[in-house]
Protein backbone atom coordinates (compact mmCIF):
# COMPACT_ATOMS: atom_id res chain seq x y z
CA UNK A 1 0.09 0.08 0.03
CA UNK A 2 1.30 3.54 -0.95
CA UNK A 3 2.26 5.24 2.26
CA UNK A 4 2.07 8.85 1.09
CA UNK A 5 -0.70 10.90 2.98
CA UNK A 6 -1.03 13.17 0.06
CA UNK A 7 -4.12 11.88 -1.97
CA UNK A 8 -2.94 13.67 -5.23
CA UNK A 9 -4.99 15.46 -7.69
CA UNK A 10 -8.29 13.88 -9.10
CA UNK A 11 -7.54 12.21 -12.38
CA UNK A 12 -10.85 10.38 -13.12
CA UNK A 13 -13.98 11.72 -11.99
CA UNK A 14 -17.46 10.21 -12.13
CA UNK A 15 -20.54 12.29 -11.04
CA UNK A 16 -24.09 11.28 -10.78
CA UNK A 17 -23.68 8.32 -13.20
CA UNK A 18 -26.85 6.26 -13.77
CA UNK A 19 -27.44 3.31 -16.03
CA UNK A 20 -30.54 1.07 -16.38
CA UNK A 21 -31.38 -1.97 -18.57
CA UNK A 22 -35.06 -1.90 -19.05
CA UNK A 23 -36.61 -2.06 -15.43
CA UNK A 24 -33.32 -3.04 -13.85
CA UNK A 25 -31.47 0.08 -12.37
CA UNK A 26 -27.76 -1.11 -12.53
CA UNK A 27 -26.24 2.20 -11.38
CA UNK A 28 -28.04 5.03 -9.59
CA UNK A 29 -26.45 8.50 -9.04
CA UNK A 30 -22.97 7.02 -8.47
CA UNK A 31 -20.03 9.39 -7.84
CA UNK A 32 -16.38 8.09 -8.02
CA UNK A 33 -12.92 9.58 -7.85
CA UNK A 34 -9.57 8.13 -8.82
CA UNK A 35 -6.61 10.19 -8.10
CA UNK A 36 -3.20 10.35 -9.93
CA UNK A 37 -0.67 7.76 -8.49
CA UNK A 38 -3.39 6.00 -6.51
CA UNK A 39 -4.26 2.20 -6.32
CA UNK A 40 -8.08 2.36 -5.61
CA UNK A 41 -10.24 -0.76 -5.12
CA UNK A 42 -13.75 -1.08 -6.17
CA UNK A 43 -15.62 -3.57 -4.22
CA UNK A 44 -19.18 -5.03 -4.14
CA UNK A 45 -21.09 -8.49 -4.38
CA UNK A 46 -22.76 -9.68 -7.49
CA UNK A 47 -25.06 -7.28 -8.95
CA UNK A 48 -23.46 -4.33 -7.00
CA UNK A 49 -22.77 -2.41 -10.17
CA UNK A 50 -19.08 -2.73 -10.52
CA UNK A 51 -18.79 -4.14 -14.05
CA UNK A 52 -21.55 -1.77 -15.26
CA UNK A 53 -19.48 1.22 -13.91
CA UNK A 54 -16.30 0.00 -15.58
CA UNK A 55 -18.19 -0.57 -18.89
CA UNK A 56 -19.72 2.81 -18.84
CA UNK A 57 -16.44 4.54 -18.13
CA UNK A 58 -14.73 2.69 -20.94
CA UNK A 59 -17.46 3.12 -23.56
CA UNK A 60 -18.81 -0.27 -23.73
CA UNK A 61 -22.11 1.08 -22.41
CA UNK A 62 -23.66 4.35 -22.91
CA UNK A 63 -24.74 6.26 -19.67
CA UNK A 64 -28.25 7.40 -18.91
CA UNK A 65 -27.10 10.38 -16.96
CA UNK A 66 -23.98 11.74 -15.37
CA UNK A 67 -20.72 12.72 -16.39
CA UNK A 68 -17.08 11.28 -16.65
CA UNK A 69 -14.07 13.70 -16.53
CA UNK A 70 -10.42 12.84 -17.16
CA UNK A 71 -8.19 15.64 -15.90
CA UNK A 72 -11.02 17.99 -15.60
CA UNK A 73 -12.06 17.27 -19.29
CA UNK A 74 -15.38 15.57 -19.94
CA UNK A 75 -14.93 12.24 -21.71
CA UNK A 76 -17.68 10.72 -23.85
CA UNK A 77 -16.33 7.62 -24.96
CA UNK A 78 -18.57 5.66 -27.42
CA UNK A 79 -16.37 2.54 -27.55
CA UNK A 80 -13.40 0.83 -25.80
CA UNK A 81 -11.13 2.10 -28.40
CA UNK A 82 -12.25 5.76 -27.82
CA UNK A 83 -11.71 5.36 -24.20
CA UNK A 84 -8.46 4.02 -24.83
CA UNK A 85 -7.56 7.02 -27.11
CA UNK A 86 -8.69 9.27 -24.13
CA UNK A 87 -6.20 7.67 -21.80
CA UNK A 88 -8.36 4.88 -20.05
CA UNK A 89 -7.33 1.31 -20.47
CA UNK A 90 -8.82 -2.07 -19.14
CA UNK A 91 -7.08 -5.41 -18.66
CA UNK A 92 -9.56 -8.14 -17.70
CA UNK A 93 -9.18 -11.47 -16.01
CA UNK A 94 -9.20 -13.27 -19.28
CA UNK A 95 -6.38 -11.35 -21.06
CA UNK A 96 -7.72 -9.95 -24.32
CA UNK A 97 -4.63 -10.70 -26.49
CA UNK A 98 -3.72 -13.29 -29.03
CA UNK A 99 -1.89 -16.29 -27.57
CA UNK A 100 -0.74 -17.72 -30.89
CA UNK A 101 1.14 -14.33 -31.72
CA UNK A 102 4.46 -13.65 -30.16
CA UNK A 103 4.76 -11.19 -27.20
CA UNK A 104 6.21 -8.47 -29.46
CA UNK A 105 3.39 -8.97 -32.04
CA UNK A 106 0.85 -8.58 -29.20
CA UNK A 107 2.56 -5.42 -27.80
CA UNK A 108 2.48 -3.64 -31.06
CA UNK A 109 -0.49 -5.18 -32.77
CA UNK A 110 -1.98 -2.59 -35.05
CA UNK A 111 1.02 -0.43 -34.61
CA UNK A 112 4.05 -2.33 -35.85
CA UNK A 113 7.10 -0.46 -37.10
CA UNK A 114 7.34 -0.70 -40.77
CA UNK A 115 9.56 0.24 -43.75
CA UNK A 116 8.27 0.48 -47.28
CA UNK A 117 5.35 -1.26 -46.15
CA UNK A 118 6.92 -4.27 -44.54
CA UNK A 119 7.02 -4.98 -40.88
CA UNK A 120 10.35 -4.43 -39.18
CA UNK A 121 10.41 -7.64 -36.95
CA UNK A 122 13.98 -7.06 -35.27
CA UNK A 123 12.95 -3.46 -34.54
CA UNK A 124 9.64 -4.58 -32.99
CA UNK A 125 11.35 -7.25 -30.95
CA UNK A 126 13.90 -4.66 -29.70
CA UNK A 127 11.14 -2.28 -28.67
CA UNK A 128 9.27 -5.06 -27.06
CA UNK A 129 12.34 -6.01 -25.05
CA UNK A 130 13.07 -2.54 -23.90
CA UNK A 131 9.27 -1.96 -22.86
CA UNK A 132 9.03 -5.13 -20.86
CA UNK A 133 12.37 -4.37 -19.17
CA UNK A 134 10.72 -1.31 -17.75
CA UNK A 135 8.42 -3.75 -15.80
CA UNK A 136 11.41 -5.91 -14.71
CA UNK A 137 10.07 -8.55 -17.22
CA UNK A 138 12.82 -10.21 -19.27
CA UNK A 139 11.61 -12.80 -21.74
CA UNK A 140 11.98 -13.98 -25.13
CA UNK A 141 9.67 -11.59 -26.96
CA UNK A 142 9.71 -13.72 -30.08
CA UNK A 143 8.00 -16.61 -28.34
CA UNK A 144 4.26 -17.09 -28.37
CA UNK A 145 2.42 -15.12 -25.75
CA UNK A 146 0.29 -18.26 -24.90
CA UNK A 147 3.58 -20.18 -23.84
CA UNK A 148 4.08 -17.85 -20.84
CA UNK A 149 2.07 -17.86 -17.62
CA UNK A 150 -1.01 -15.93 -16.88
CA UNK A 151 0.97 -13.46 -14.95
CA UNK A 152 3.32 -12.65 -17.84
CA UNK A 153 0.27 -12.44 -20.05
CA UNK A 154 -1.23 -9.78 -17.72
CA UNK A 155 1.85 -7.77 -17.48
CA UNK A 156 2.27 -7.79 -21.33
CA UNK A 157 -1.32 -6.51 -21.55
CA UNK A 158 -0.66 -3.80 -19.09
CA UNK A 159 2.73 -2.85 -20.76
CA UNK A 160 0.79 -2.52 -23.99
CA UNK A 161 -1.99 -0.17 -22.27
CA UNK A 162 0.63 1.98 -20.72
CA UNK A 163 2.75 2.21 -24.01
CA UNK A 164 -0.64 3.42 -25.64
CA UNK A 165 -0.53 6.50 -23.18
CA UNK A 166 -3.11 5.10 -20.78
CA UNK A 167 -3.36 7.43 -17.74
CA UNK A 168 -6.06 5.38 -16.03
CA UNK A 169 -5.60 1.56 -15.87
CA UNK A 170 -8.49 -0.62 -14.86
CA UNK A 171 -7.64 -4.14 -13.64
CA UNK A 172 -10.68 -6.26 -13.55
CA UNK A 173 -9.95 -9.43 -11.33
CA UNK A 174 -6.32 -9.66 -12.52
CA UNK A 175 -5.16 -12.01 -9.73
CA UNK A 176 -8.02 -14.53 -9.92
CA UNK A 177 -5.91 -17.12 -11.68
CA UNK A 178 -2.44 -16.32 -10.10
CA UNK A 179 -0.51 -18.01 -7.43
CA UNK A 180 1.06 -15.98 -4.68
CA UNK A 181 4.39 -15.53 -6.38
CA UNK A 182 2.70 -14.33 -9.48
CA UNK A 183 0.59 -11.83 -7.51
CA UNK A 184 3.73 -10.46 -5.92
CA UNK A 185 5.12 -10.02 -9.45
CA UNK A 186 2.00 -8.23 -10.61
CA UNK A 187 1.77 -6.04 -7.53
CA UNK A 188 5.38 -4.89 -8.07
CA UNK A 189 4.41 -3.73 -11.66
CA UNK A 190 1.18 -2.04 -10.27
CA UNK A 191 3.14 -0.21 -7.74
CA UNK A 192 5.73 1.11 -10.26
CA UNK A 193 2.83 2.41 -12.52
CA UNK A 194 1.22 4.37 -9.47
CA UNK A 195 4.76 5.82 -8.73
CA UNK A 196 4.65 7.08 -12.26
CA UNK A 197 1.37 8.99 -11.63
CA UNK A 198 -0.94 6.38 -13.46
CA UNK A 199 -4.14 5.97 -11.46
CA UNK A 200 -5.03 2.36 -10.96
CA UNK A 201 -8.58 0.99 -10.52
CA UNK A 202 -8.38 -2.49 -8.84
CA UNK A 203 -11.56 -4.73 -9.09
CA UNK A 204 -11.23 -7.82 -7.10
CA UNK A 205 -12.97 -10.07 -4.51
CA UNK A 206 -9.59 -10.76 -2.52
CA UNK A 207 -9.68 -8.71 0.50
CA UNK A 208 -6.33 -9.43 1.72
CA UNK A 209 -4.82 -8.10 -1.63
CA UNK A 210 -6.89 -5.02 -1.15
CA UNK A 211 -5.45 -4.24 2.11
CA UNK A 212 -1.94 -5.09 0.88
CA UNK A 213 -2.05 -2.85 -2.13
CA UNK A 214 -4.74 -0.33 -2.28
CA UNK A 215 -4.95 3.24 -0.95
CA UNK A 216 -8.63 3.76 -1.22
CA UNK A 217 -11.74 1.70 -1.43
CA UNK A 218 -15.11 2.44 -3.04
CA UNK A 219 -18.04 0.03 -2.13
CA UNK A 220 -21.17 -0.42 -4.33
CA UNK A 221 -24.35 -2.26 -3.46
CA UNK A 222 -27.29 -2.84 -5.59
CA UNK A 223 -26.19 -0.10 -7.89
CA UNK A 224 -25.74 2.55 -5.29
CA UNK A 225 -22.52 4.09 -3.78
CA UNK A 226 -22.03 2.89 -0.24
CA UNK A 227 -19.02 4.96 0.63
CA UNK A 228 -15.33 5.77 -0.12
CA UNK A 229 -12.76 5.39 2.49
CA UNK A 230 -8.98 5.27 2.80
CA UNK A 231 -7.92 1.49 3.20
CA UNK A 232 -5.94 2.41 6.42
CA UNK A 233 -9.09 3.81 8.20
CA UNK A 234 -11.59 1.00 7.06
CA UNK A 235 -11.69 -2.06 9.43
CA UNK A 236 -12.40 -5.14 7.71
CA UNK A 237 -15.66 -5.89 9.63
CA UNK A 238 -17.00 -2.36 8.48
CA UNK A 239 -15.96 -3.06 4.85
CA UNK A 240 -17.97 -6.56 5.00
CA UNK A 241 -20.98 -4.66 6.42
CA UNK A 242 -20.74 -1.94 3.72
CA UNK A 243 -20.80 -4.75 1.02
CA UNK A 244 -23.43 -7.01 2.50
CA UNK A 245 -25.65 -4.29 3.98
CA UNK A 246 -25.97 -6.02 7.24
CA UNK A 247 -25.61 -4.98 11.09
CA UNK A 248 -23.73 -7.33 13.31
CA UNK A 249 -26.92 -8.43 15.01
CA UNK A 250 -27.36 -11.89 16.63
CA UNK A 251 -29.32 -14.25 14.84
CA UNK A 252 -30.89 -17.24 16.48
CA UNK A 253 -31.36 -20.39 14.51
CA UNK A 254 -34.66 -22.18 14.47
CA UNK A 255 -32.65 -25.44 14.78
CA UNK A 256 -30.65 -24.50 17.72
CA UNK A 257 -31.89 -27.36 19.65
CA UNK A 258 -31.47 -29.80 16.96
CA UNK A 259 -27.65 -28.94 16.83
CA UNK A 260 -27.18 -30.93 20.22
CA UNK A 261 -28.02 -34.25 18.47
CA UNK A 262 -25.44 -36.94 18.12
CA UNK A 263 -23.28 -36.78 14.99
CA UNK A 264 -23.98 -39.41 12.63
CA UNK A 265 -21.69 -41.70 10.47
CA UNK A 266 -19.19 -40.03 8.11
CA UNK A 267 -20.36 -39.93 4.49
CA UNK A 268 -17.48 -38.35 2.77
CA UNK A 269 -14.25 -36.98 3.96
CA UNK A 270 -11.74 -34.74 2.15
CA UNK A 271 -8.27 -34.33 3.36
CA UNK A 272 -5.76 -31.57 2.14
CA UNK A 273 -7.94 -31.32 -0.86
CA UNK A 274 -7.18 -28.53 -3.30
CA UNK A 275 -6.09 -27.28 -6.71
CA UNK A 276 -3.02 -24.90 -6.93
CA UNK A 277 -4.31 -21.28 -8.26
CA UNK A 278 -7.83 -22.44 -7.69
CA UNK A 279 -8.37 -23.20 -4.08
CA UNK A 280 -6.09 -23.68 -1.24
CA UNK A 281 -6.00 -27.38 0.26
CA UNK A 282 -8.85 -27.97 2.71
CA UNK A 283 -10.16 -30.60 5.20
CA UNK A 284 -13.86 -31.22 5.15
CA UNK A 285 -15.89 -33.95 6.77
CA UNK A 286 -19.51 -34.41 5.81
CA UNK A 287 -21.99 -36.66 7.77
CA UNK A 288 -25.02 -38.40 6.92
CA UNK A 289 -28.09 -36.27 8.21
CA UNK A 290 -26.04 -33.18 8.43
CA UNK A 291 -26.20 -29.74 6.62
CA UNK A 292 -22.93 -28.04 6.12
CA UNK A 293 -23.06 -24.38 5.16
CA UNK A 294 -20.48 -22.64 3.15
CA UNK A 295 -20.26 -18.96 3.82
CA UNK A 296 -18.13 -16.11 2.49
CA UNK A 297 -17.96 -13.35 0.08
CA UNK A 298 -18.22 -13.68 -3.66
CA UNK A 299 -15.04 -15.08 -5.07
CA UNK A 300 -14.05 -16.57 -1.58
CA UNK A 301 -13.98 -20.04 -2.89
CA UNK A 302 -17.52 -21.45 -2.16
CA UNK A 303 -18.32 -22.63 -5.62
CA UNK A 304 -14.78 -23.70 -6.07
CA UNK A 305 -15.14 -26.04 -3.08
CA UNK A 306 -18.45 -27.35 -4.40
CA UNK A 307 -16.93 -27.91 -8.02
CA UNK A 308 -13.75 -29.77 -6.66
CA UNK A 309 -16.04 -31.99 -4.45
CA UNK A 310 -18.21 -32.83 -7.39
CA UNK A 311 -15.26 -33.59 -9.74
CA UNK A 312 -16.19 -30.61 -11.95
CA UNK A 313 -12.48 -29.45 -11.28
CA UNK A 314 -9.72 -32.02 -10.51
CA UNK A 315 -7.94 -31.67 -7.30
CA UNK A 316 -4.15 -31.90 -7.54
CA UNK A 317 -3.53 -32.44 -3.68
CA UNK A 318 -5.04 -34.40 -1.06
CA UNK A 319 -7.48 -37.34 -1.07
CA UNK A 320 -11.14 -38.10 -0.94
CA UNK A 321 -12.91 -40.86 0.90
CA UNK A 322 -16.53 -42.15 0.55
CA UNK A 323 -17.80 -44.29 3.33
CA UNK A 324 -14.34 -44.71 4.62
CA UNK A 325 -13.02 -45.79 1.17
CA UNK A 326 -10.51 -43.86 -0.96
CA UNK A 327 -12.02 -42.58 -4.28
CA UNK A 328 -10.92 -40.73 -7.32
CA UNK A 329 -13.23 -37.83 -8.23
CA UNK A 330 -11.70 -36.80 -11.57
CA UNK A 331 -15.12 -35.91 -13.28
CA UNK A 332 -18.73 -35.42 -12.31
CA UNK A 333 -19.31 -39.07 -13.84
CA UNK A 334 -17.13 -40.27 -11.00
CA UNK A 335 -18.92 -38.23 -8.39
CA UNK A 336 -22.43 -39.48 -9.57
CA UNK A 337 -21.16 -42.99 -9.41
CA UNK A 338 -20.30 -42.52 -5.81
CA UNK A 339 -23.69 -41.02 -5.14
CA UNK A 340 -23.05 -37.32 -5.29
CA UNK A 341 -25.41 -34.74 -6.87
CA UNK A 342 -24.83 -30.94 -7.66
CA UNK A 343 -27.29 -28.32 -8.23
CA UNK A 344 -25.23 -25.35 -9.59
CA UNK A 345 -25.68 -21.77 -8.87
CA UNK A 346 -26.56 -20.68 -12.53
CA UNK A 347 -29.46 -23.01 -12.93
CA UNK A 348 -30.62 -21.52 -16.25
CA UNK A 349 -27.04 -22.03 -17.86
CA UNK A 350 -25.56 -25.03 -15.92
CA UNK A 351 -28.60 -26.81 -14.64
CA UNK A 352 -31.90 -26.93 -16.65
CA UNK A 353 -32.18 -27.72 -20.32
CA UNK A 354 -34.98 -25.13 -20.97
CA UNK A 355 -36.27 -26.73 -24.23
CA UNK A 356 -36.69 -30.18 -22.57
CA UNK A 357 -39.85 -31.25 -20.55
CA UNK A 358 -39.95 -31.32 -16.62
CA UNK A 359 -39.97 -35.08 -17.10
CA UNK A 360 -36.96 -35.16 -19.28
CA UNK A 361 -35.13 -32.79 -17.04
CA UNK A 362 -35.90 -34.90 -13.87
CA UNK A 363 -34.75 -38.15 -15.25
CA UNK A 364 -31.68 -36.76 -16.83
CA UNK A 365 -29.14 -37.65 -14.13
CA UNK A 366 -30.67 -41.08 -13.32
CA UNK A 367 -30.38 -41.95 -17.18
CA UNK A 368 -26.66 -40.79 -16.99
CA UNK A 369 -25.93 -42.83 -14.16
CA UNK A 370 -27.47 -45.97 -15.69
CA UNK A 371 -25.85 -45.39 -18.88
CA UNK A 372 -26.84 -45.93 -22.47
CA UNK A 373 -27.09 -49.60 -22.21
CA UNK A 374 -29.88 -49.29 -19.62
CA UNK A 375 -32.25 -46.71 -20.91
CA UNK A 376 -35.25 -45.90 -18.72
CA UNK A 377 -38.61 -46.90 -20.24
CA UNK A 378 -41.16 -44.34 -20.90
CA UNK A 379 -43.38 -45.61 -18.24
CA UNK A 380 -40.39 -45.57 -15.70
CA UNK A 381 -39.77 -41.93 -16.58
CA UNK A 382 -43.48 -41.08 -16.13
CA UNK A 383 -43.61 -42.74 -12.77
CA UNK A 384 -40.41 -41.03 -11.52
CA UNK A 385 -41.62 -37.77 -12.71
CA UNK A 386 -45.19 -37.88 -11.32
CA UNK A 387 -43.57 -39.16 -8.03
CA UNK A 388 -41.24 -36.01 -7.56
CA UNK A 389 -43.60 -33.54 -8.89
CA UNK A 390 -46.01 -34.63 -6.19
CA UNK A 391 -43.21 -34.94 -3.47
CA UNK A 392 -41.67 -31.65 -4.29
CA UNK A 393 -45.06 -29.94 -5.19
CA UNK A 394 -43.52 -28.74 -8.55
CA UNK A 395 -46.30 -26.45 -10.15
CA UNK A 396 -47.95 -26.57 -12.48
CA UNK A 397 -47.97 -30.33 -12.13
CA UNK A 398 -47.54 -31.04 -15.79
CA UNK A 399 -44.61 -33.27 -16.54
CA UNK A 400 -44.70 -32.60 -20.35
CA UNK A 401 -44.46 -28.75 -19.90
CA UNK A 402 -41.18 -27.37 -20.97
CA UNK A 403 -39.13 -26.67 -17.98
CA UNK A 404 -38.16 -23.12 -19.29
CA UNK A 405 -41.69 -22.00 -18.99
CA UNK A 406 -41.79 -22.73 -15.07
CA UNK A 407 -40.97 -20.07 -12.63
CA UNK A 408 -37.30 -20.09 -10.85
CA UNK A 409 -38.52 -21.79 -7.70
CA UNK A 410 -40.18 -24.62 -9.44
CA UNK A 411 -37.17 -25.03 -11.71
CA UNK A 412 -35.04 -25.40 -8.67
CA UNK A 413 -37.43 -27.94 -7.27
CA UNK A 414 -37.12 -29.81 -10.69
CA UNK A 415 -33.31 -29.70 -10.23
CA UNK A 416 -33.44 -31.03 -6.75
CA UNK A 417 -35.86 -33.91 -8.10
CA UNK A 418 -33.31 -34.64 -10.86
CA UNK A 419 -30.71 -35.53 -8.16
CA UNK A 420 -33.07 -37.00 -5.67
CA UNK A 421 -34.11 -39.66 -8.43
CA UNK A 422 -30.58 -40.98 -8.20
CA UNK A 423 -30.95 -41.70 -4.45
CA UNK A 424 -27.81 -39.85 -3.55
CA UNK A 425 -25.77 -39.90 -0.39
CA UNK A 426 -24.43 -36.40 -0.73
CA UNK A 427 -26.13 -33.45 -2.35
CA UNK A 428 -24.31 -30.25 -3.07
CA UNK A 429 -26.45 -27.14 -3.35
CA UNK A 430 -25.11 -23.77 -4.61
CA UNK A 431 -27.44 -20.81 -4.02
CA UNK A 432 -30.67 -22.94 -4.05
CA UNK A 433 -32.80 -20.06 -3.13
CA UNK A 434 -31.26 -17.37 -5.33
CA UNK A 435 -33.72 -15.56 -7.64
CA UNK A 436 -36.87 -17.16 -6.48
CA UNK A 437 -40.08 -15.88 -4.75
CA UNK A 438 -40.83 -15.85 -0.99
CA UNK A 439 -43.12 -18.85 -1.19
CA UNK A 440 -40.67 -20.93 -3.09
CA UNK A 441 -37.83 -19.77 -0.87
CA UNK A 442 -39.69 -21.16 2.22
CA UNK A 443 -40.33 -24.49 0.38
CA UNK A 444 -36.68 -25.00 -0.55
CA UNK A 445 -35.81 -24.33 3.08
CA UNK A 446 -38.33 -26.87 4.12
CA UNK A 447 -36.87 -29.48 1.76
CA UNK A 448 -33.41 -28.82 2.91
CA UNK A 449 -34.47 -29.63 6.38
CA UNK A 450 -36.47 -32.76 5.34
CA UNK A 451 -33.54 -34.11 3.26
CA UNK A 452 -31.29 -33.71 6.31
CA UNK A 453 -33.68 -35.65 8.49
CA UNK A 454 -33.83 -38.47 5.94
CA UNK A 455 -30.17 -39.14 6.33
CA UNK A 456 -28.81 -37.13 3.34
CA UNK A 457 -25.56 -35.38 3.64
CA UNK A 458 -25.97 -31.71 2.50
CA UNK A 459 -23.18 -29.20 1.57
CA UNK A 460 -25.02 -25.86 0.96
CA UNK A 461 -23.68 -22.53 -0.35
CA UNK A 462 -25.57 -19.32 0.22
CA UNK A 463 -24.99 -15.63 0.28
CA UNK A 464 -27.90 -15.21 2.60
CA UNK A 465 -26.36 -15.46 6.20
CA UNK A 466 -29.50 -15.60 7.98
CA UNK A 467 -30.37 -18.61 5.87
CA UNK A 468 -27.12 -20.52 6.41
CA UNK A 469 -27.60 -19.90 10.14
CA UNK A 470 -31.11 -21.31 10.03
CA UNK A 471 -30.41 -24.73 8.56
CA UNK A 472 -26.85 -25.39 9.08
CA UNK A 473 -25.31 -27.96 11.67
CA UNK A 474 -21.89 -26.52 10.82
CA UNK A 475 -20.73 -23.55 8.81
CA UNK A 476 -17.37 -23.44 7.02
CA UNK A 477 -16.19 -19.75 6.45
CA UNK A 478 -14.04 -19.17 3.23
CA UNK A 479 -12.07 -16.11 2.42
CA UNK A 480 -9.61 -15.54 -0.51
CA UNK A 481 -9.95 -19.04 -1.91
CA UNK A 482 -9.29 -20.76 1.42
CA UNK A 483 -11.29 -22.41 4.20
CA UNK A 484 -10.43 -20.05 7.25
CA UNK A 485 -12.81 -21.05 9.88
CA UNK A 486 -15.25 -23.64 11.06
CA UNK A 487 -18.43 -22.80 13.50
CA UNK A 488 -20.75 -25.11 15.10
CA UNK A 489 -23.24 -25.24 17.87
CA UNK A 490 -24.06 -22.07 19.66
CA UNK A 491 -21.21 -20.22 17.66
CA UNK A 492 -23.22 -20.29 14.58
CA UNK A 493 -24.59 -16.83 14.27
CA UNK A 494 -24.42 -13.87 11.74
CA UNK A 495 -22.03 -12.00 13.96
CA UNK A 496 -19.61 -14.89 14.06
CA UNK A 497 -19.75 -15.43 10.48
CA UNK A 498 -19.14 -11.96 9.48
CA UNK A 499 -16.21 -11.73 11.99
CA UNK A 500 -14.67 -14.72 10.44
CA UNK A 501 -14.94 -13.51 7.04
CA UNK A 502 -13.36 -10.33 7.98
CA UNK A 503 -10.45 -11.57 10.08
CA UNK A 504 -10.02 -15.20 9.01
CA UNK A 505 -9.24 -16.17 12.56
CA UNK A 506 -10.77 -18.93 14.56
CA UNK A 507 -14.22 -17.66 15.97
CA UNK A 508 -16.01 -20.05 18.21
CA UNK A 509 -15.00 -23.15 16.44
CA UNK A 510 -15.08 -26.58 17.60
CA UNK A 511 -13.36 -29.82 16.79
CA UNK A 512 -15.56 -32.11 14.55
CA UNK A 513 -15.50 -35.67 15.76
CA UNK A 514 -15.30 -38.39 13.06
């Protein structure tokens, strides 16, 4: 973090910025100031408006109202190219360069040095080598960009932007795929740029990195400005409260009495399980008849945990055991074969197949588990669909209706039915109540409790902390792609969860007996 107490002159100013998409108000009267030589974090959960703000400033979206100034002069960028010409550049998590071309070709794409209409390759390589040396990067610029690490690709993209006279550099989740050493290399580059007077806007979900490198923090929530503070004067617990909009009030669980029940047999165990650059190794024990909640900010590693457990991502460390026996979970097929089910967060993208009927969606996982050699007969499909439509009260109770025509809550119930039809031992639910109405929300919570009572092991992710507190027997808290705390018994309340997210220290954790 820069130590200078002088905030510096305003470089980029946003005043009264509003943007809507139909009935959705993505930004509402947002103010933002980035100073020269400053590293400024832009934080907020999903839907907060961060991406919209960046895209309006960089000309991807037109603004409805408001003004954007660079060095006191209004900027009306109608495209990303126009914003870059004005001095505002963006480097995204997925580097927008061409990996099949050389480093030098990427650096000077569209502006190669030429003579008599021919590209001067040797001169371009010389310039590229000298440019990257300014960033302490000494590599073979004739090699394909794709042959280098993501960190090198990010630095190349930054060098290109700066060489194009960028005075404002927006870094959108630049460290999401980097290991710690690569993060340090990137941060060294960012600090050099700030020392040269470039204003850096840092969009991230990693709070440790914010406190390590950023001078100021701006928080958005639901399209509104929640505040701007210097990093040094903003305690983490206050930052979490600004992002989530929650006071640190005690929340009493409706299942507090049930938490005292004896722990049942272990269903699955994960020891030192992780993937480099994706999620730090973790230990996790899941019991039959138990709900384990995963809590943390967006990007903390909740979904990453779910995907590793389900085999959607392959772990490169640790081991997994199911009913005490070591297993390999190298694909979702392996997970399903061992009795796992997974309802993903993005049900419309990764869950339902909108064009298929409710019946076809419900029997999908069971048919996959049986294989093509043992097809379900139509009568079996009809019986399974009818049974789960009645059991879960899916409305309307029409198995031949395309599932895309159902409400979000009923689509979620159909996804639950899909996995329950496979008679799973472990079910992973990622944001099971997101985007559904109040009545369906209550129904899903009731189903979670009922499934637990029937002996199913449940791993549930939710951004709603009150909800996590209500149904969880244990809560695992995540921060910065790592499991940092475990709460159980009377320690499970919103205050302790928020404190653990903010501090990453042990708060009321108890040892889980196998």
